[in-house]
Amino acid sequence: MKSKPYETPDLYFAALLKTAKVPMKAPRWLDERKTRCHFVFEDEGNGVIERLHLEWVNDDAKVQARS
């Protein structure tokens, strides 16, 4: 299955995805001065990002502190 990009402007959710070992690509800068960006991850279509997002908004997200 081909992966597609998933973007989020939320630094904290991006940190959760990174900690959960979701593959991260380069950020996409929204302005020339590089003061705003979207964090881009590989959505492999297995429902991991959707599940993590649901856990995130319900304050149930659990990741290892030292992963």
C-alpha atoms as a PDB file:
ATOM      1  CA  MET A   1       0.000   0.000   0.000  1.00  0.00           C
ATOM      2  CA  LYS A   2       1.321   3.437  -0.934  1.00  0.00           C
ATOM      3  CA  SER A   3       1.771   5.929   1.889  1.00  0.00           C
ATOM      4  CA  LYS A   4       0.326   9.405   1.659  1.00  0.00           C
ATOM      5  CA  PRO A   5       1.373  12.539   3.516  1.00  0.00           C
ATOM      6  CA  TYR A   6      -0.397  13.573   6.707  1.00  0.00           C
ATOM      7  CA  GLU A   7       0.136  17.179   7.832  1.00  0.00           C
ATOM      8  CA  THR A   8      -0.455  18.820  11.188  1.00  0.00           C
ATOM      9  CA  PRO A   9       0.431  22.315  12.414  1.00  0.00           C
ATOM     10  CA  ASP A  10       0.222  21.112  16.038  1.00  0.00           C
ATOM     11  CA  LEU A  11       3.685  20.748  17.585  1.00  0.00           C
ATOM     12  CA  TYR A  12       2.425  18.603  20.469  1.00  0.00           C
ATOM     13  CA  PHE A  13       0.521  16.181  18.227  1.00  0.00           C
ATOM     14  CA  ALA A  14       3.569  16.000  15.945  1.00  0.00           C
ATOM     15  CA  ALA A  15       5.670  15.076  18.992  1.00  0.00           C
ATOM     16  CA  LEU A  16       3.166  12.350  19.868  1.00  0.00           C
ATOM     17  CA  LEU A  17       3.336  10.950  16.309  1.00  0.00           C
ATOM     18  CA  LYS A  18       7.135  11.053  16.353  1.00  0.00           C
ATOM     19  CA  THR A  19       7.236   9.301  19.742  1.00  0.00           C
ATOM     20  CA  ALA A  20       4.844   6.655  18.400  1.00  0.00           C
ATOM     21  CA  LYS A  21       7.389   6.049  15.610  1.00  0.00           C
ATOM     22  CA  VAL A  22       5.234   7.339  12.746  1.00  0.00           C
ATOM     23  CA  PRO A  23       7.720   8.118   9.931  1.00  0.00           C
ATOM     24  CA  MET A  24       8.291  11.876   9.606  1.00  0.00           C
ATOM     25  CA  LYS A  25       9.197  13.749   6.443  1.00  0.00           C
ATOM     26  CA  ALA A  26      10.553  17.293   6.199  1.00  0.00           C
ATOM     27  CA  PRO A  27       8.331  20.110   7.491  1.00  0.00           C
ATOM     28  CA  ARG A  28       6.409  22.175   4.945  1.00  0.00           C
ATOM     29  CA  TRP A  29       7.068  25.859   5.558  1.00  0.00           C
ATOM     30  CA  LEU A  30       4.091  28.172   5.087  1.00  0.00           C
ATOM     31  CA  ASP A  31       5.990  31.441   4.729  1.00  0.00           C
ATOM     32  CA  GLU A  32       9.297  32.658   3.347  1.00  0.00           C
ATOM     33  CA  ARG A  33      10.761  33.558   6.749  1.00  0.00           C
ATOM     34  CA  LYS A  34      10.186  29.985   8.002  1.00  0.00           C
ATOM     35  CA  THR A  35       8.191  31.043  11.042  1.00  0.00           C
ATOM     36  CA  ARG A  36       5.170  28.759  10.412  1.00  0.00           C
ATOM     37  CA  CYS A  37       5.132  25.162   9.255  1.00  0.00           C
ATOM     38  CA  HIS A  38       3.157  21.970   8.999  1.00  0.00           C
ATOM     39  CA  PHE A  39       4.777  18.782  10.214  1.00  0.00           C
ATOM     40  CA  VAL A  40       4.510  16.100   7.532  1.00  0.00           C
ATOM     41  CA  PHE A  41       4.271  12.397   8.368  1.00  0.00           C
ATOM     42  CA  GLU A  42       3.837   9.268   6.259  1.00  0.00           C
ATOM     43  CA  ASP A  43       0.314   7.926   6.638  1.00  0.00           C
ATOM     44  CA  GLU A  44       0.736   4.257   5.783  1.00  0.00           C
ATOM     45  CA  GLY A  45      -3.017   3.681   5.685  1.00  0.00           C
ATOM     46  CA  ASN A  46      -3.104   1.263   8.621  1.00  0.00           C
ATOM     47  CA  GLY A  47      -5.202   3.518  10.855  1.00  0.00           C
ATOM     48  CA  VAL A  48      -2.390   4.396  13.272  1.00  0.00           C
ATOM     49  CA  ILE A  49      -2.643   8.173  12.800  1.00  0.00           C
ATOM     50  CA  GLU A  50      -6.441   8.118  13.015  1.00  0.00           C
ATOM     51  CA  ARG A  51      -6.311   6.048  16.219  1.00  0.00           C
ATOM     52  CA  LEU A  52      -3.653   8.304  17.763  1.00  0.00           C
ATOM     53  CA  HIS A  53      -5.633  11.412  16.816  1.00  0.00           C
ATOM     54  CA  LEU A  54      -8.776  10.017  18.419  1.00  0.00           C
ATOM     55  CA  GLU A  55      -6.820   9.138  21.563  1.00  0.00           C
ATOM     56  CA  TRP A  56      -5.223  12.618  21.501  1.00  0.00           C
ATOM     57  CA  VAL A  57      -8.518  14.518  21.391  1.00  0.00           C
ATOM     58  CA  ASN A  58     -10.008  12.235  24.056  1.00  0.00           C
ATOM     59  CA  ASP A  59      -6.925  12.686  26.285  1.00  0.00           C
ATOM     60  CA  ASP A  60      -6.262   8.926  26.223  1.00  0.00           C
ATOM     61  CA  ALA A  61      -3.010   8.881  24.208  1.00  0.00           C
ATOM     62  CA  LYS A  62      -0.407   6.583  25.705  1.00  0.00           C
ATOM     63  CA  VAL A  63       3.158   6.500  24.466  1.00  0.00           C
ATOM     64  CA  GLN A  64       6.317   5.341  26.143  1.00  0.00           C
ATOM     65  CA  ALA A  65       8.188   8.131  27.873  1.00  0.00           C
ATOM     66  CA  ARG A  66      11.574   6.947  26.570  1.00  0.00           C
ATOM     67  CA  SER A  67      10.956   5.500  23.134  1.00  0.00           C
END
